[in-house]
C-alpha atoms as a PDB file:
ATOM      1  CA  MET A   1      18.966  25.603  -5.679  1.00  0.00           C
ATOM      2  CA  TRP A   2      20.374  28.806  -4.192  1.00  0.00           C
ATOM      3  CA  TYR A   3      22.868  26.750  -2.165  1.00  0.00           C
ATOM      4  CA  ALA A   4      24.013  24.958  -5.342  1.00  0.00           C
ATOM      5  CA  THR A   5      24.516  28.323  -7.049  1.00  0.00           C
ATOM      6  CA  ARG A   6      26.659  29.668  -4.227  1.00  0.00           C
ATOM      7  CA  ALA A   7      28.670  26.465  -3.781  1.00  0.00           C
ATOM      8  CA  SER A   8      29.414  26.098  -7.501  1.00  0.00           C
ATOM      9  CA  GLY A   9      30.393  29.769  -7.732  1.00  0.00           C
ATOM     10  CA  PHE A  10      32.914  29.565  -4.898  1.00  0.00           C
ATOM     11  CA  THR A  11      34.266  26.251  -6.211  1.00  0.00           C
ATOM     12  CA  ALA A  12      34.745  27.760  -9.671  1.00  0.00           C
ATOM     13  CA  LEU A  13      36.594  30.724  -8.131  1.00  0.00           C
ATOM     14  CA  VAL A  14      38.976  28.420  -6.236  1.00  0.00           C
ATOM     15  CA  LEU A  15      39.666  26.318  -9.337  1.00  0.00           C
ATOM     16  CA  LEU A  16      40.111  29.386 -11.557  1.00  0.00           C
ATOM     17  CA  SER A  17      42.552  30.888  -9.046  1.00  0.00           C
ATOM     18  CA  ALA A  18      44.548  27.642  -9.013  1.00  0.00           C
ATOM     19  CA  THR A  19      44.515  27.536 -12.822  1.00  0.00           C
ATOM     20  CA  VAL A  20      45.793  31.111 -13.126  1.00  0.00           C
ATOM     21  CA  ALA A  21      48.476  30.563 -10.471  1.00  0.00           C
ATOM     22  CA  ILE A  22      49.714  27.386 -12.183  1.00  0.00           C
ATOM     23  CA  GLY A  23      49.693  29.175 -15.528  1.00  0.00           C
ATOM     24  CA  LEU A  24      51.836  31.972 -14.104  1.00  0.00           C
ATOM     25  CA  VAL A  25      54.331  29.573 -12.528  1.00  0.00           C
ATOM     26  CA  THR A  26      54.641  27.258 -15.554  1.00  0.00           C
ATOM     27  CA  SER A  27      55.026  30.165 -17.991  1.00  0.00           C
ATOM     28  CA  MET A  28      58.756  30.038 -17.120  1.00  0.00           C
ATOM     29  CA  ARG A  29      58.905  26.741 -19.083  1.00  0.00           C
ATOM     30  CA  ARG A  30      60.699  25.009 -16.231  1.00  0.00           C
ATOM     31  CA  SER A  31      60.191  21.463 -15.028  1.00  0.00           C
ATOM     32  CA  GLY A  32      61.601  19.126 -12.428  1.00  0.00           C
ATOM     33  CA  ARG A  33      62.119  15.377 -11.995  1.00  0.00           C
ATOM     34  CA  GLY A  34      59.133  15.021  -9.733  1.00  0.00           C
ATOM     35  CA  TRP A  35      56.887  17.217 -11.867  1.00  0.00           C
ATOM     36  CA  PRO A  36      57.781  17.062 -15.581  1.00  0.00           C
ATOM     37  CA  ARG A  37      56.377  19.881 -17.679  1.00  0.00           C
ATOM     38  CA  PHE A  38      53.824  17.678 -19.465  1.00  0.00           C
ATOM     39  CA  VAL A  39      52.375  16.645 -16.068  1.00  0.00           C
ATOM     40  CA  VAL A  40      51.980  20.283 -14.978  1.00  0.00           C
ATOM     41  CA  GLN A  41      50.356  21.127 -18.317  1.00  0.00           C
ATOM     42  CA  SER A  42      47.955  18.216 -17.884  1.00  0.00           C
ATOM     43  CA  VAL A  43      46.985  19.412 -14.389  1.00  0.00           C
ATOM     44  CA  HIS A  44      46.525  22.929 -15.762  1.00  0.00           C
ATOM     45  CA  ARG A  45      44.251  21.666 -18.555  1.00  0.00           C
ATOM     46  CA  ASP A  46      42.187  19.423 -16.253  1.00  0.00           C
ATOM     47  CA  LEU A  47      41.675  22.268 -13.773  1.00  0.00           C
ATOM     48  CA  SER A  48      40.492  24.487 -16.628  1.00  0.00           C
ATOM     49  CA  LEU A  49      37.913  21.873 -17.641  1.00  0.00           C
ATOM     50  CA  LEU A  50      36.707  21.625 -14.033  1.00  0.00           C
ATOM     51  CA  VAL A  51      36.309  25.414 -13.947  1.00  0.00           C
ATOM     52  CA  VAL A  52      34.058  25.199 -17.002  1.00  0.00           C
ATOM     53  CA  LEU A  53      32.029  22.361 -15.446  1.00  0.00           C
ATOM     54  CA  PHE A  54      31.350  24.250 -12.218  1.00  0.00           C
ATOM     55  CA  LEU A  55      30.608  27.449 -14.143  1.00  0.00           C
ATOM     56  CA  LEU A  56      27.953  25.582 -16.125  1.00  0.00           C
ATOM     57  CA  VAL A  57      26.409  24.368 -12.856  1.00  0.00           C
ATOM     58  CA  HIS A  58      26.600  27.933 -11.522  1.00  0.00           C
ATOM     59  CA  ILE A  59      24.850  29.383 -14.570  1.00  0.00           C
ATOM     60  CA  VAL A  60      22.129  26.729 -14.817  1.00  0.00           C
ATOM     61  CA  THR A  61      21.229  26.844 -11.121  1.00  0.00           C
ATOM     62  CA  SER A  62      21.229  30.663 -11.156  1.00  0.00           C
ATOM     63  CA  VAL A  63      18.666  30.679 -13.974  1.00  0.00           C
ATOM     64  CA  LEU A  64      16.539  27.884 -12.486  1.00  0.00           C
ATOM     65  CA  ASP A  65      16.478  29.393  -8.999  1.00  0.00           C
ATOM     66  CA  PRO A  66      13.353  31.588  -8.659  1.00  0.00           C
ATOM     67  CA  PHE A  67      14.860  34.010  -6.115  1.00  0.00           C
ATOM     68  CA  ALA A  68      16.683  36.432  -8.444  1.00  0.00           C
ATOM     69  CA  LYS A  69      14.282  35.841 -11.393  1.00  0.00           C
ATOM     70  CA  LEU A  70      17.111  35.539 -13.930  1.00  0.00           C
ATOM     71  CA  SER A  71      16.461  34.584 -17.545  1.00  0.00           C
ATOM     72  CA  VAL A  72      18.662  32.759 -20.031  1.00  0.00           C
ATOM     73  CA  LEU A  73      19.242  36.120 -21.739  1.00  0.00           C
ATOM     74  CA  ASP A  74      20.527  37.565 -18.434  1.00  0.00           C
ATOM     75  CA  ALA A  75      23.124  34.773 -18.365  1.00  0.00           C
ATOM     76  CA  VAL A  76      24.316  35.585 -21.894  1.00  0.00           C
ATOM     77  CA  VAL A  77      24.053  39.372 -22.287  1.00  0.00           C
ATOM     78  CA  PRO A  78      25.882  41.358 -19.573  1.00  0.00           C
ATOM     79  CA  PHE A  79      24.387  44.225 -17.556  1.00  0.00           C
ATOM     80  CA  ILE A  80      20.700  43.729 -18.490  1.00  0.00           C
ATOM     81  CA  ALA A  81      19.474  41.760 -15.457  1.00  0.00           C
ATOM     82  CA  SER A  82      17.175  43.427 -12.939  1.00  0.00           C
ATOM     83  CA  TYR A  83      19.109  41.747 -10.085  1.00  0.00           C
ATOM     84  CA  ARG A  84      22.405  43.550  -9.298  1.00  0.00           C
ATOM     85  CA  PRO A  85      22.983  44.261 -13.028  1.00  0.00           C
ATOM     86  CA  LEU A  86      26.551  45.622 -12.847  1.00  0.00           C
ATOM     87  CA  TRP A  87      27.992  42.897 -10.627  1.00  0.00           C
ATOM     88  CA  LEU A  88      26.060  40.098 -12.330  1.00  0.00           C
ATOM     89  CA  GLY A  89      27.133  41.487 -15.708  1.00  0.00           C
ATOM     90  CA  LEU A  90      30.788  41.272 -14.708  1.00  0.00           C
ATOM     91  CA  GLY A  91      30.292  37.562 -14.084  1.00  0.00           C
ATOM     92  CA  VAL A  92      28.873  37.168 -17.597  1.00  0.00           C
ATOM     93  CA  VAL A  93      31.874  39.024 -19.044  1.00  0.00           C
ATOM     94  CA  SER A  94      34.288  36.812 -17.101  1.00  0.00           C
ATOM     95  CA  ILE A  95      32.621  33.628 -18.335  1.00  0.00           C
ATOM     96  CA  GLU A  96      32.610  34.814 -21.948  1.00  0.00           C
ATOM     97  CA  LEU A  97      36.329  35.596 -21.748  1.00  0.00           C
ATOM     98  CA  LEU A  98      36.943  32.033 -20.545  1.00  0.00           C
ATOM     99  CA  ILE A  99      34.808  30.673 -23.388  1.00  0.00           C
ATOM    100  CA  ALA A 100      36.997  32.598 -25.859  1.00  0.00           C
ATOM    101  CA  ILE A 101      40.105  31.008 -24.330  1.00  0.00           C
ATOM    102  CA  ILE A 102      38.649  27.493 -24.508  1.00  0.00           C
ATOM    103  CA  ALA A 103      37.383  27.958 -28.068  1.00  0.00           C
ATOM    104  CA  THR A 104      40.788  29.095 -29.329  1.00  0.00           C
ATOM    105  CA  SER A 105      42.499  26.233 -27.469  1.00  0.00           C
ATOM    106  CA  PHE A 106      40.526  23.735 -29.554  1.00  0.00           C
ATOM    107  CA  VAL A 107      41.787  25.351 -32.756  1.00  0.00           C
ATOM    108  CA  ARG A 108      45.261  26.143 -31.484  1.00  0.00           C
ATOM    109  CA  HIS A 109      46.884  24.282 -34.389  1.00  0.00           C
ATOM    110  CA  ARG A 110      45.207  26.719 -36.795  1.00  0.00           C
ATOM    111  CA  LEU A 111      46.440  29.847 -35.018  1.00  0.00           C
ATOM    112  CA  SER A 112      49.852  31.412 -34.755  1.00  0.00           C
ATOM    113  CA  TRP A 113      51.556  31.104 -31.391  1.00  0.00           C
ATOM    114  CA  ARG A 114      51.370  34.892 -30.894  1.00  0.00           C
ATOM    115  CA  THR A 115      47.618  35.027 -31.616  1.00  0.00           C
ATOM    116  CA  TRP A 116      46.873  32.096 -29.308  1.00  0.00           C
ATOM    117  CA  ARG A 117      49.068  33.583 -26.587  1.00  0.00           C
ATOM    118  CA  ILE A 118      47.290  36.953 -26.693  1.00  0.00           C
ATOM    119  CA  VAL A 119      43.880  35.295 -26.406  1.00  0.00           C
ATOM    120  CA  HIS A 120      45.138  32.973 -23.654  1.00  0.00           C
ATOM    121  CA  LEU A 121      46.221  35.991 -21.610  1.00  0.00           C
ATOM    122  CA  LEU A 122      42.532  36.853 -21.286  1.00  0.00           C
ATOM    123  CA  ALA A 123      42.471  34.280 -18.462  1.00  0.00           C
ATOM    124  CA  TYR A 124      44.406  36.738 -16.341  1.00  0.00           C
ATOM    125  CA  ILE A 125      41.788  39.421 -17.060  1.00  0.00           C
ATOM    126  CA  SER A 126      38.835  37.115 -16.392  1.00  0.00           C
ATOM    127  CA  TRP A 127      40.153  36.229 -12.919  1.00  0.00           C
ATOM    128  CA  PRO A 128      39.947  39.706 -11.270  1.00  0.00           C
ATOM    129  CA  ILE A 129      36.591  40.289 -12.979  1.00  0.00           C
ATOM    130  CA  ALA A 130      35.345  37.001 -11.499  1.00  0.00           C
ATOM    131  CA  VAL A 131      36.602  37.997  -8.033  1.00  0.00           C
ATOM    132  CA  ILE A 132      34.775  41.351  -8.185  1.00  0.00           C
ATOM    133  CA  HIS A 133      31.635  39.633  -9.494  1.00  0.00           C
ATOM    134  CA  GLY A 134      31.632  37.187  -6.586  1.00  0.00           C
ATOM    135  CA  ILE A 135      32.138  39.892  -3.981  1.00  0.00           C
ATOM    136  CA  GLY A 136      29.588  42.280  -5.483  1.00  0.00           C
ATOM    137  CA  THR A 137      26.874  39.725  -6.214  1.00  0.00           C
ATOM    138  CA  GLY A 138      27.383  37.120  -3.502  1.00  0.00           C
ATOM    139  CA  SER A 139      25.098  36.905  -0.501  1.00  0.00           C
ATOM    140  CA  ASP A 140      27.922  35.435   1.635  1.00  0.00           C
ATOM    141  CA  THR A 141      30.444  38.246   1.158  1.00  0.00           C
ATOM    142  CA  LYS A 142      30.381  39.271   4.821  1.00  0.00           C
ATOM    143  CA  SER A 143      30.759  35.703   6.126  1.00  0.00           C
ATOM    144  CA  ALA A 144      34.095  34.924   7.754  1.00  0.00           C
ATOM    145  CA  TRP A 145      34.583  31.739   5.713  1.00  0.00           C
ATOM    146  CA  ALA A 146      33.852  33.566   2.434  1.00  0.00           C
ATOM    147  CA  LEU A 147      36.279  36.380   3.292  1.00  0.00           C
ATOM    148  CA  LEU A 148      38.950  33.809   4.178  1.00  0.00           C
ATOM    149  CA  LEU A 149      38.415  31.897   0.938  1.00  0.00           C
ATOM    150  CA  VAL A 150      38.600  35.041  -1.230  1.00  0.00           C
ATOM    151  CA  THR A 151      41.677  36.216   0.691  1.00  0.00           C
ATOM    152  CA  VAL A 152      43.473  32.917   0.057  1.00  0.00           C
ATOM    153  CA  CYS A 153      42.569  32.982  -3.658  1.00  0.00           C
ATOM    154  CA  VAL A 154      43.814  36.549  -4.076  1.00  0.00           C
ATOM    155  CA  ALA A 155      46.988  35.864  -2.061  1.00  0.00           C
ATOM    156  CA  VAL A 156      47.848  32.779  -4.137  1.00  0.00           C
ATOM    157  CA  VAL A 157      47.382  34.503  -7.496  1.00  0.00           C
ATOM    158  CA  ILE A 158      49.133  37.742  -6.495  1.00  0.00           C
ATOM    159  CA  GLY A 159      51.961  35.711  -4.950  1.00  0.00           C
ATOM    160  CA  ALA A 160      52.380  33.738  -8.193  1.00  0.00           C
ATOM    161  CA  LEU A 161      52.279  36.968 -10.211  1.00  0.00           C
ATOM    162  CA  VAL A 162      54.951  38.629  -8.064  1.00  0.00           C
ATOM    163  CA  TRP A 163      57.191  35.546  -8.250  1.00  0.00           C
ATOM    164  CA  ARG A 164      56.745  35.316 -12.029  1.00  0.00           C
ATOM    165  CA  LEU A 165      57.605  38.973 -12.584  1.00  0.00           C
ATOM    166  CA  THR A 166      60.723  38.745 -10.412  1.00  0.00           C
ATOM    167  CA  GLN A 167      61.986  36.031 -12.786  1.00  0.00           C
ATOM    168  CA  ILE A 168      61.638  38.203 -15.864  1.00  0.00           C
ATOM    169  CA  GLY A 169      64.674  38.788 -18.081  1.00  0.00           C
ATOM    170  CA  PRO A 170      67.089  41.646 -17.353  1.00  0.00           C
ATOM    171  CA  HIS A 171      65.863  43.632 -20.350  1.00  0.00           C
ATOM    172  CA  PHE A 172      62.340  43.745 -18.940  1.00  0.00           C
ATOM    173  CA  LYS A 173      63.056  44.372 -15.255  1.00  0.00           C
ATOM    174  CA  ALA A 174      61.371  47.786 -15.314  1.00  0.00           C
ATOM    175  CA  LEU A 175      58.252  46.263 -16.877  1.00  0.00           C
ATOM    176  CA  GLY A 176      58.312  43.517 -14.254  1.00  0.00           C
ATOM    177  CA  TRP A 177      58.446  45.952 -11.353  1.00  0.00           C
ATOM    178  CA  LEU A 178      55.642  47.970 -12.973  1.00  0.00           C
ATOM    179  CA  GLY A 179      53.540  44.816 -13.113  1.00  0.00           C
ATOM    180  CA  ILE A 180      54.239  44.015  -9.478  1.00  0.00           C
ATOM    181  CA  ALA A 181      53.270  47.552  -8.452  1.00  0.00           C
ATOM    182  CA  ALA A 182      50.058  47.288 -10.493  1.00  0.00           C
ATOM    183  CA  GLY A 183      49.155  43.947  -8.902  1.00  0.00           C
ATOM    184  CA  LEU A 184      49.735  45.179  -5.349  1.00  0.00           C
ATOM    185  CA  THR A 185      47.913  48.460  -6.065  1.00  0.00           C
ATOM    186  CA  GLY A 186      44.956  46.535  -7.473  1.00  0.00           C
ATOM    187  CA  THR A 187      44.846  44.365  -4.354  1.00  0.00           C
ATOM    188  CA  ALA A 188      44.871  47.439  -2.104  1.00  0.00           C
ATOM    189  CA  ALA A 189      42.086  48.996  -4.200  1.00  0.00           C
ATOM    190  CA  LEU A 190      40.038  45.785  -3.882  1.00  0.00           C
ATOM    191  CA  ILE A 191      40.390  45.833  -0.093  1.00  0.00           C
ATOM    192  CA  ALA A 192      39.436  49.520   0.081  1.00  0.00           C
ATOM    193  CA  TRP A 193      36.394  48.973  -2.146  1.00  0.00           C
ATOM    194  CA  MET A 194      35.214  46.069  -0.019  1.00  0.00           C
ATOM    195  CA  ALA A 195      35.588  48.149   3.140  1.00  0.00           C
ATOM    196  CA  ILE A 196      33.433  51.020   1.833  1.00  0.00           C
ATOM    197  CA  GLY A 197      31.058  48.924  -0.263  1.00  0.00           C
ATOM    198  CA  PRO A 198      30.155  45.223   0.067  1.00  0.00           C
ATOM    199  CA  LEU A 199      31.096  45.012   3.757  1.00  0.00           C
ATOM    200  CA  GLN A 200      28.941  48.005   4.682  1.00  0.00           C
ATOM    201  CA  PRO A 201      25.265  47.798   5.758  1.00  0.00           C
ATOM    202  CA  GLY A 202      22.878  48.476   2.913  1.00  0.00           C
ATOM    203  CA  TRP A 203      25.085  46.964   0.190  1.00  0.00           C
ATOM    204  CA  ALA A 204      22.236  44.780  -1.090  1.00  0.00           C
ATOM    205  CA  LYS A 205      20.221  47.880  -1.989  1.00  0.00           C
ATOM    206  CA  ALA A 206      23.240  49.782  -3.332  1.00  0.00           C
ATOM    207  CA  ALA A 207      24.222  46.799  -5.505  1.00  0.00           C
ATOM    208  CA  GLY A 208      20.880  46.909  -7.299  1.00  0.00           C
ATOM    209  CA  THR A 209      18.753  44.275  -5.574  1.00  0.00           C
ATOM    210  CA  PRO A 210      15.071  44.812  -6.554  1.00  0.00           C
ATOM    211  CA  ALA A 211      12.856  46.292  -3.866  1.00  0.00           C
ATOM    212  CA  ASP A 212      10.565  43.263  -3.629  1.00  0.00           C
ATOM    213  CA  LEU A 213      13.521  40.971  -2.931  1.00  0.00           C
ATOM    214  CA  LEU A 214      14.881  43.380  -0.326  1.00  0.00           C
ATOM    215  CA  ALA A 215      11.537  43.390   1.487  1.00  0.00           C
ATOM    216  CA  GLY A 216      11.347  39.599   1.395  1.00  0.00           C
ATOM    217  CA  SER A 217      14.929  39.043   2.541  1.00  0.00           C
ATOM    218  CA  SER A 218      14.488  41.528   5.377  1.00  0.00           C
ATOM    219  CA  THR A 219      11.536  39.569   6.689  1.00  0.00           C
ATOM    220  CA  ARG A 220      13.382  36.256   6.390  1.00  0.00           C
ATOM    221  CA  ALA A 221      16.510  37.645   8.057  1.00  0.00           C
ATOM    222  CA  THR A 222      14.673  38.837  11.145  1.00  0.00           C
ATOM    223  CA  GLY A 223      12.605  35.670  11.325  1.00  0.00           C
ATOM    224  CA  SER A 224       9.551  37.728  12.229  1.00  0.00           C
ATOM    225  CA  THR A 225       6.511  39.284  10.590  1.00  0.00           C
ATOM    226  CA  PRO A 226       6.338  42.996   9.707  1.00  0.00           C
ATOM    227  CA  ALA A 227       5.317  45.491  12.359  1.00  0.00           C
ATOM    228  CA  PRO A 228       1.575  45.653  13.134  1.00  0.00           C
ATOM    229  CA  ILE A 229      -0.458  47.543  10.551  1.00  0.00           C
ATOM    230  CA  HIS A 230      -1.908  49.879  13.188  1.00  0.00           C
ATOM    231  CA  ALA A 231       1.559  51.483  13.332  1.00  0.00           C
ATOM    232  CA  LEU A 232       0.641  53.141  10.014  1.00  0.00           C
ATOM    233  CA  THR A 233      -1.097  56.396  10.826  1.00  0.00           C
ATOM    234  CA  VAL A 234      -4.597  56.988   9.477  1.00  0.00           C
ATOM    235  CA  GLY A 235      -5.393  60.462   8.107  1.00  0.00           C
ATOM    236  CA  LEU A 236      -2.106  61.257   6.374  1.00  0.00           C
ATOM    237  CA  ASN A 237      -2.161  63.717   3.487  1.00  0.00           C
ATOM    238  CA  ASP A 238       1.546  64.222   2.883  1.00  0.00           C
ATOM    239  CA  ALA A 239       3.730  65.091  -0.076  1.00  0.00           C
ATOM    240  CA  VAL A 240       6.214  62.430  -1.165  1.00  0.00           C
ATOM    241  CA  ARG A 241       9.301  62.768  -3.334  1.00  0.00           C
ATOM    242  CA  GLY A 242      11.880  60.405  -4.707  1.00  0.00           C
ATOM    243  CA  SER A 243      13.438  58.767  -7.733  1.00  0.00           C
ATOM    244  CA  LEU A 244      12.361  56.375 -10.432  1.00  0.00           C
ATOM    245  CA  ALA A 245      14.387  53.380 -11.649  1.00  0.00           C
ATOM    246  CA  GLN A 246      13.440  51.285 -14.656  1.00  0.00           C
ATOM    247  CA  SER A 247      14.555  47.939 -16.024  1.00  0.00           C
ATOM    248  CA  GLN A 248      13.203  45.786 -18.816  1.00  0.00           C
ATOM    249  CA  THR A 249      10.654  44.156 -16.532  1.00  0.00           C
ATOM    250  CA  THR A 250      10.083  46.511 -13.580  1.00  0.00           C
ATOM    251  CA  VAL A 251       9.623  50.144 -12.616  1.00  0.00           C
ATOM    252  CA  THR A 252      10.542  51.051  -9.039  1.00  0.00           C
ATOM    253  CA  ALA A 253       9.596  54.329  -7.354  1.00  0.00           C
ATOM    254  CA  THR A 254      11.492  55.003  -4.117  1.00  0.00           C
ATOM    255  CA  MET A 255      10.159  57.939  -2.106  1.00  0.00           C
ATOM    256  CA  VAL A 256      10.178  59.577   1.316  1.00  0.00           C
ATOM    257  CA  ASP A 257       7.468  61.503   3.110  1.00  0.00           C
ATOM    258  CA  THR A 258       8.483  65.196   3.089  1.00  0.00           C
ATOM    259  CA  ARG A 259       6.777  65.819   6.435  1.00  0.00           C
ATOM    260  CA  ASP A 260       8.151  62.741   8.186  1.00  0.00           C
ATOM    261  CA  THR A 261      11.412  61.804   6.456  1.00  0.00           C
ATOM    262  CA  THR A 262      11.661  58.556   8.461  1.00  0.00           C
ATOM    263  CA  LEU A 263       8.672  57.266   6.489  1.00  0.00           C
ATOM    264  CA  SER A 264       9.746  55.698   3.184  1.00  0.00           C
ATOM    265  CA  VAL A 265       7.597  54.373   0.366  1.00  0.00           C
ATOM    266  CA  VAL A 266       8.615  51.939  -2.383  1.00  0.00           C
ATOM    267  CA  VAL A 267       6.267  51.075  -5.235  1.00  0.00           C
ATOM    268  CA  LEU A 268       7.320  48.255  -7.562  1.00  0.00           C
ATOM    269  CA  ALA A 269       5.398  47.842 -10.826  1.00  0.00           C
ATOM    270  CA  ARG A 270       6.030  44.818 -13.046  1.00  0.00           C
ATOM    271  CA  ALA A 271       5.550  44.443 -16.775  1.00  0.00           C
ATOM    272  CA  ASP A 272       2.732  41.926 -16.231  1.00  0.00           C
ATOM    273  CA  GLY A 273       0.626  44.583 -14.476  1.00  0.00           C
ATOM    274  CA  SER A 274       1.224  43.368 -10.913  1.00  0.00           C
ATOM    275  CA  GLY A 275       2.904  45.469  -8.268  1.00  0.00           C
ATOM    276  CA  GLN A 276       3.910  45.795  -4.641  1.00  0.00           C
ATOM    277  CA  LEU A 277       3.830  48.590  -2.058  1.00  0.00           C
ATOM    278  CA  SER A 278       6.386  48.629   0.773  1.00  0.00           C
ATOM    279  CA  LEU A 279       6.118  51.110   3.629  1.00  0.00           C
ATOM    280  CA  SER A 280       8.707  51.445   6.375  1.00  0.00           C
ATOM    281  CA  GLN A 281       9.468  53.897   9.138  1.00  0.00           C
ATOM    282  CA  ALA A 282      12.957  54.337  10.572  1.00  0.00           C
ATOM    283  CA  GLY A 283      13.953  50.995   9.060  1.00  0.00           C
ATOM    284  CA  THR A 284      10.944  49.106  10.477  1.00  0.00           C
ATOM    285  CA  SER A 285       8.561  47.555   7.968  1.00  0.00           C
ATOM    286  CA  LEU A 286       4.983  48.766   8.308  1.00  0.00           C
ATOM    287  CA  CYS A 287       3.368  47.197   5.276  1.00  0.00           C
ATOM    288  CA  ASN A 288       4.003  44.998   2.241  1.00  0.00           C
ATOM    289  CA  ALA A 289       0.916  44.707   0.066  1.00  0.00           C
ATOM    290  CA  PRO A 290      -0.068  44.313  -3.595  1.00  0.00           C
ATOM    291  CA  VAL A 291      -1.077  47.515  -5.381  1.00  0.00           C
ATOM    292  CA  SER A 292      -4.024  48.365  -7.561  1.00  0.00           C
ATOM    293  CA  VAL A 293      -3.448  50.887 -10.350  1.00  0.00           C
ATOM    294  CA  GLY A 294      -6.463  53.089 -11.052  1.00  0.00           C
ATOM    295  CA  THR A 295      -7.025  55.945 -13.467  1.00  0.00           C
ATOM    296  CA  SER A 296      -6.011  58.592 -10.946  1.00  0.00           C
ATOM    297  CA  ALA A 297      -4.198  56.821  -8.111  1.00  0.00           C
ATOM    298  CA  ILE A 298      -2.258  53.786  -6.956  1.00  0.00           C
ATOM    299  CA  THR A 299      -3.887  52.109  -3.956  1.00  0.00           C
ATOM    300  CA  ALA A 300      -2.994  49.331  -1.572  1.00  0.00           C
ATOM    301  CA  GLN A 301      -4.685  47.968   1.515  1.00  0.00           C
ATOM    302  CA  CYS A 302      -2.462  47.477   4.540  1.00  0.00           C
ATOM    303  CA  GLY A 303      -4.709  45.599   6.914  1.00  0.00           C
ATOM    304  CA  THR A 304      -7.415  48.060   7.922  1.00  0.00           C
ATOM    305  CA  VAL A 305      -5.624  51.060   6.368  1.00  0.00           C
ATOM    306  CA  LEU A 306      -6.115  52.091   2.745  1.00  0.00           C
ATOM    307  CA  VAL A 307      -3.081  53.833   1.203  1.00  0.00           C
ATOM    308  CA  SER A 308      -3.554  56.007  -1.876  1.00  0.00           C
ATOM    309  CA  LEU A 309      -0.761  57.548  -3.957  1.00  0.00           C
ATOM    310  CA  GLN A 310      -1.200  60.192  -6.633  1.00  0.00           C
ATOM    311  CA  LEU A 311       2.131  60.484  -8.444  1.00  0.00           C
ATOM    312  CA  GLN A 312       3.763  62.450 -11.228  1.00  0.00           C
ATOM    313  CA  SER A 313       7.124  61.780 -12.858  1.00  0.00           C
ATOM    314  CA  ASP A 314       9.480  63.436 -15.336  1.00  0.00           C
ATOM    315  CA  GLY A 315      11.232  60.137 -16.114  1.00  0.00           C
ATOM    316  CA  THR A 316      13.775  60.037 -13.264  1.00  0.00           C
ATOM    317  CA  ALA A 317      12.327  62.100 -10.384  1.00  0.00           C
ATOM    318  CA  ILE A 318       8.893  61.420  -8.956  1.00  0.00           C
ATOM    319  CA  ASN A 319       6.633  63.345  -6.586  1.00  0.00           C
ATOM    320  CA  GLY A 320       3.057  63.340  -5.445  1.00  0.00           C
ATOM    321  CA  THR A 321       0.751  62.901  -2.474  1.00  0.00           C
ATOM    322  CA  MET A 322       0.144  59.981  -0.152  1.00  0.00           C
ATOM    323  CA  THR A 323      -3.091  59.720   1.816  1.00  0.00           C
ATOM    324  CA  THR A 324      -4.225  57.098   4.318  1.00  0.00           C
ATOM    325  CA  ARG A 325      -7.708  56.374   5.573  1.00  0.00           C
ATOM    326  CA  ARG A 326      -9.556  53.626   7.335  1.00  0.00           C
ATOM    327  CA  ALA A 327     -10.579  50.925   4.874  1.00  0.00           C
ATOM    328  CA  ALA A 328     -14.245  50.112   4.583  1.00  0.00           C
ATOM    329  CA  VAL A 329     -15.185  47.016   6.537  1.00  0.00           C
ATOM    330  CA  THR A 330     -17.250  44.556   4.535  1.00  0.00           C
ATOM    331  CA  PRO A 331     -19.928  42.756   6.542  1.00  0.00           C
END
């Protein structure tokens, strides 16, 4: 299912880029013998319908896939998902802009040309939003083939935009050059953002991936099991400090040991009462275990080591004490 989501997303991006580029080129109202205007318009319309088809596949498979735990509401209301909310939300915004374009196209005969034209221009806004969504949310962003595909899409659309603006009437030359400068500046900003963000290590966490998914993907990526539990020291009684992040369905506490700052602790609590403890040291996983919430402490058993956390929070910051001891052995 995850493969279908990724494939449909990239296919929709390619088709949307082609649609926007054709729209820019044909906006000059020119035609040729080999390609009459009505043929170009037909290709433009058919590509738009294909974009919608692949977007529907992308949305449905994203919701059905259990990895990101997305709901139907997450696919309709932007910026509320627990999985990469900002970047996923941009995708929702882009899709809703396209829906507005399609809806007004069906009732074009009831609208003035100016009104329809203004709404239709939203396609040009939805395209960069879709590009940023794909880069920020996609798990293939660092892959050579994905970078090449996005580069080609951006180059085609920006090339069409520059060509279109160079053909603008003499009374609007200044506006045309301003548009070209804006397009090239936006492209440079996109490249710079990718270099300092999505292409850097740790982007998955910075993008807002839930802690339990990060722990699971780390294990799958290495193809190995977490480090032996005996690597977790028994007899700790250390202060921990960190931050608290909340969504509609989860509360995540991310902390570090103040005595040994290489030791990090993540506690994920879900709305259904379940939870997960993740312990790592210098980037190496020591433990991933379910938690038990008591009246005075949160506990988890990591093999033969019992971890206990007594925490206090003011809403955003969190601090407390972590202790470890040998777990009782049942006969």
